[in-house]
N, C-alpha and C. Protein backbone atom coordinates (compact mmCIF):
# COMPACT_ATOMS: atom_id res chain seq x y z
N MET A 1 0.85 -1.18 0.00
CA MET A 1 0.00 0.00 0.00
C MET A 1 0.89 1.25 0.00
N ALA A 2 0.65 2.13 -0.93
CA ALA A 2 1.45 3.36 -1.06
C ALA A 2 1.04 4.36 0.02
N LYS A 3 2.01 5.13 0.47
CA LYS A 3 1.75 6.15 1.48
C LYS A 3 1.16 7.40 0.82
N ALA A 4 0.28 8.04 1.56
CA ALA A 4 -0.31 9.29 1.08
C ALA A 4 0.76 10.38 1.11
N ARG A 5 0.72 11.25 0.12
CA ARG A 5 1.66 12.37 0.07
C ARG A 5 0.90 13.65 0.34
N LEU A 6 1.55 14.52 1.08
CA LEU A 6 0.92 15.79 1.44
C LEU A 6 0.69 16.64 0.20
N LYS A 7 -0.51 17.20 0.13
CA LYS A 7 -0.82 18.17 -0.91
C LYS A 7 -0.85 19.58 -0.30
N GLU A 8 -1.50 19.70 0.87
CA GLU A 8 -1.64 21.02 1.48
C GLU A 8 -2.09 20.90 2.93
N HIS A 9 -1.61 21.82 3.78
CA HIS A 9 -2.15 22.02 5.12
C HIS A 9 -3.11 23.20 5.03
N ARG A 10 -4.30 23.03 5.53
CA ARG A 10 -5.23 24.16 5.62
C ARG A 10 -5.47 24.41 7.11
N ILE A 11 -5.08 25.58 7.54
CA ILE A 11 -5.25 25.94 8.94
C ILE A 11 -6.17 27.16 9.00
N ASN A 12 -7.31 26.98 9.64
CA ASN A 12 -8.27 28.07 9.78
C ASN A 12 -7.84 28.92 10.99
N ARG A 13 -7.21 30.03 10.71
CA ARG A 13 -6.65 30.87 11.77
C ARG A 13 -7.74 31.51 12.64
N ASP A 14 -8.95 31.62 12.13
CA ASP A 14 -10.05 32.15 12.94
C ASP A 14 -10.48 31.14 14.00
N TRP A 15 -10.35 29.86 13.71
CA TRP A 15 -10.76 28.82 14.64
C TRP A 15 -9.64 28.42 15.59
N CYS A 16 -8.39 28.59 15.18
CA CYS A 16 -7.24 28.18 16.00
C CYS A 16 -7.15 29.08 17.24
N LYS A 17 -7.08 28.43 18.41
CA LYS A 17 -6.97 29.20 19.65
C LYS A 17 -5.55 29.17 20.21
N GLY A 18 -4.63 28.52 19.50
CA GLY A 18 -3.24 28.51 19.91
C GLY A 18 -2.93 27.60 21.08
N CYS A 19 -3.65 26.51 21.20
CA CYS A 19 -3.45 25.60 22.34
C CYS A 19 -2.13 24.82 22.24
N GLY A 20 -1.62 24.62 21.02
CA GLY A 20 -0.35 23.93 20.83
C GLY A 20 -0.44 22.41 20.79
N ILE A 21 -1.63 21.86 20.84
CA ILE A 21 -1.78 20.40 20.81
C ILE A 21 -1.23 19.84 19.49
N CYS A 22 -1.52 20.50 18.39
CA CYS A 22 -1.02 20.04 17.09
C CYS A 22 0.50 20.04 17.05
N VAL A 23 1.10 21.06 17.64
CA VAL A 23 2.56 21.18 17.68
C VAL A 23 3.14 20.02 18.50
N ALA A 24 2.52 19.73 19.61
CA ALA A 24 3.01 18.67 20.50
C ALA A 24 2.91 17.28 19.87
N PHE A 25 1.87 17.03 19.10
CA PHE A 25 1.66 15.70 18.53
C PHE A 25 2.38 15.47 17.21
N CYS A 26 2.85 16.52 16.55
CA CYS A 26 3.49 16.34 15.25
C CYS A 26 4.83 15.63 15.42
N PRO A 27 4.98 14.42 14.82
CA PRO A 27 6.22 13.66 15.00
C PRO A 27 7.42 14.24 14.25
N LYS A 28 7.19 15.13 13.32
CA LYS A 28 8.27 15.69 12.51
C LYS A 28 8.48 17.18 12.74
N ALA A 29 7.85 17.74 13.76
CA ALA A 29 8.00 19.16 14.12
C ALA A 29 7.72 20.08 12.94
N VAL A 30 6.66 19.77 12.20
CA VAL A 30 6.26 20.57 11.04
C VAL A 30 5.56 21.86 11.48
N LEU A 31 4.81 21.78 12.56
CA LEU A 31 4.00 22.91 13.00
C LEU A 31 4.65 23.67 14.15
N GLU A 32 4.39 24.97 14.17
CA GLU A 32 4.81 25.84 15.27
C GLU A 32 3.70 26.86 15.50
N LEU A 33 3.76 27.52 16.64
CA LEU A 33 2.86 28.64 16.91
C LEU A 33 3.60 29.90 16.53
N ASP A 34 2.92 30.79 15.80
CA ASP A 34 3.56 32.04 15.38
C ASP A 34 3.43 33.10 16.48
N ASP A 35 3.79 34.32 16.16
CA ASP A 35 3.77 35.39 17.17
C ASP A 35 2.36 35.78 17.60
N GLU A 36 1.34 35.31 16.88
CA GLU A 36 -0.05 35.54 17.27
C GLU A 36 -0.64 34.31 17.97
N ASP A 37 0.22 33.33 18.30
CA ASP A 37 -0.20 32.06 18.90
C ASP A 37 -1.21 31.31 18.04
N LYS A 38 -0.93 31.28 16.76
CA LYS A 38 -1.73 30.52 15.81
C LYS A 38 -0.83 29.47 15.17
N ALA A 39 -1.38 28.29 14.88
CA ALA A 39 -0.61 27.23 14.26
C ALA A 39 -0.22 27.59 12.83
N VAL A 40 0.99 27.25 12.47
CA VAL A 40 1.48 27.49 11.12
C VAL A 40 2.43 26.35 10.75
N ALA A 41 2.34 25.89 9.51
CA ALA A 41 3.23 24.84 9.01
C ALA A 41 4.52 25.49 8.52
N VAL A 42 5.61 25.24 9.24
CA VAL A 42 6.88 25.89 8.90
C VAL A 42 7.86 24.95 8.18
N ARG A 43 7.70 23.66 8.35
CA ARG A 43 8.58 22.69 7.68
C ARG A 43 7.72 21.70 6.89
N VAL A 44 7.01 22.22 5.93
CA VAL A 44 6.06 21.43 5.13
C VAL A 44 6.76 20.25 4.45
N GLN A 45 7.99 20.45 4.03
CA GLN A 45 8.72 19.39 3.33
C GLN A 45 8.97 18.17 4.22
N ASP A 46 8.88 18.32 5.54
CA ASP A 46 9.11 17.21 6.47
C ASP A 46 7.84 16.44 6.81
N CYS A 47 6.68 16.95 6.39
CA CYS A 47 5.39 16.34 6.74
C CYS A 47 5.26 14.95 6.14
N ILE A 48 4.83 14.00 6.96
CA ILE A 48 4.60 12.62 6.50
C ILE A 48 3.11 12.32 6.35
N ALA A 49 2.29 13.35 6.43
CA ALA A 49 0.83 13.25 6.25
C ALA A 49 0.19 12.21 7.17
N CYS A 50 0.64 12.18 8.42
CA CYS A 50 0.07 11.24 9.40
C CYS A 50 -1.28 11.72 9.92
N ARG A 51 -1.56 13.00 9.78
CA ARG A 51 -2.82 13.62 10.17
C ARG A 51 -3.04 13.71 11.68
N LEU A 52 -2.01 13.50 12.47
CA LEU A 52 -2.19 13.62 13.92
C LEU A 52 -2.63 15.03 14.30
N CYS A 53 -2.11 16.04 13.62
CA CYS A 53 -2.51 17.41 13.91
C CYS A 53 -4.00 17.60 13.66
N GLU A 54 -4.47 17.08 12.54
CA GLU A 54 -5.88 17.19 12.18
C GLU A 54 -6.77 16.43 13.17
N LEU A 55 -6.34 15.25 13.55
CA LEU A 55 -7.14 14.41 14.45
C LEU A 55 -7.18 14.94 15.88
N ARG A 56 -6.11 15.58 16.32
CA ARG A 56 -6.02 16.04 17.71
C ARG A 56 -6.50 17.47 17.93
N CYS A 57 -6.67 18.23 16.88
CA CYS A 57 -7.09 19.62 17.04
C CYS A 57 -8.50 19.67 17.63
N PRO A 58 -8.66 20.24 18.84
CA PRO A 58 -9.99 20.28 19.46
C PRO A 58 -10.95 21.24 18.79
N ASP A 59 -10.42 22.14 17.96
CA ASP A 59 -11.26 23.14 17.31
C ASP A 59 -11.50 22.85 15.83
N LEU A 60 -11.00 21.71 15.35
CA LEU A 60 -11.15 21.32 13.94
C LEU A 60 -10.60 22.38 13.00
N ALA A 61 -9.52 23.03 13.42
CA ALA A 61 -8.95 24.14 12.65
C ALA A 61 -7.94 23.68 11.61
N ILE A 62 -7.55 22.41 11.62
CA ILE A 62 -6.53 21.93 10.69
C ILE A 62 -7.10 20.84 9.80
N GLU A 63 -6.81 20.96 8.53
CA GLU A 63 -7.17 19.93 7.56
C GLU A 63 -5.93 19.61 6.74
N VAL A 64 -5.61 18.33 6.65
CA VAL A 64 -4.46 17.88 5.88
C VAL A 64 -5.00 17.23 4.61
N GLU A 65 -4.69 17.84 3.49
CA GLU A 65 -5.14 17.30 2.20
C GLU A 65 -3.98 16.52 1.58
N THR A 66 -4.28 15.32 1.12
CA THR A 66 -3.24 14.47 0.52
C THR A 66 -3.57 14.17 -0.94
N GLU A 67 -2.51 13.83 -1.66
CA GLU A 67 -2.67 13.40 -3.05
C GLU A 67 -2.96 11.91 -3.06
N LYS A 68 -3.73 11.48 -4.00
CA LYS A 68 -4.02 10.06 -4.15
C LYS A 68 -2.75 9.35 -4.62
N PRO A 69 -2.37 8.25 -3.93
CA PRO A 69 -1.16 7.53 -4.37
C PRO A 69 -1.36 6.80 -5.68
């Protein structure tokens, strides 16, 4: 089975409350909180599309879109 490849991170900055849960769960340190305490993908090239950020976000502010393998 082929692995999904990242197409895009969509982060709804209006919904993000800056809790940092997505940052803590990301195994590749792709996400960080910016100076406004909002999640931002800073190392997109390292993303393995595991979707832990999307699954753990309590505000449903993150969506990970993948390409079909």
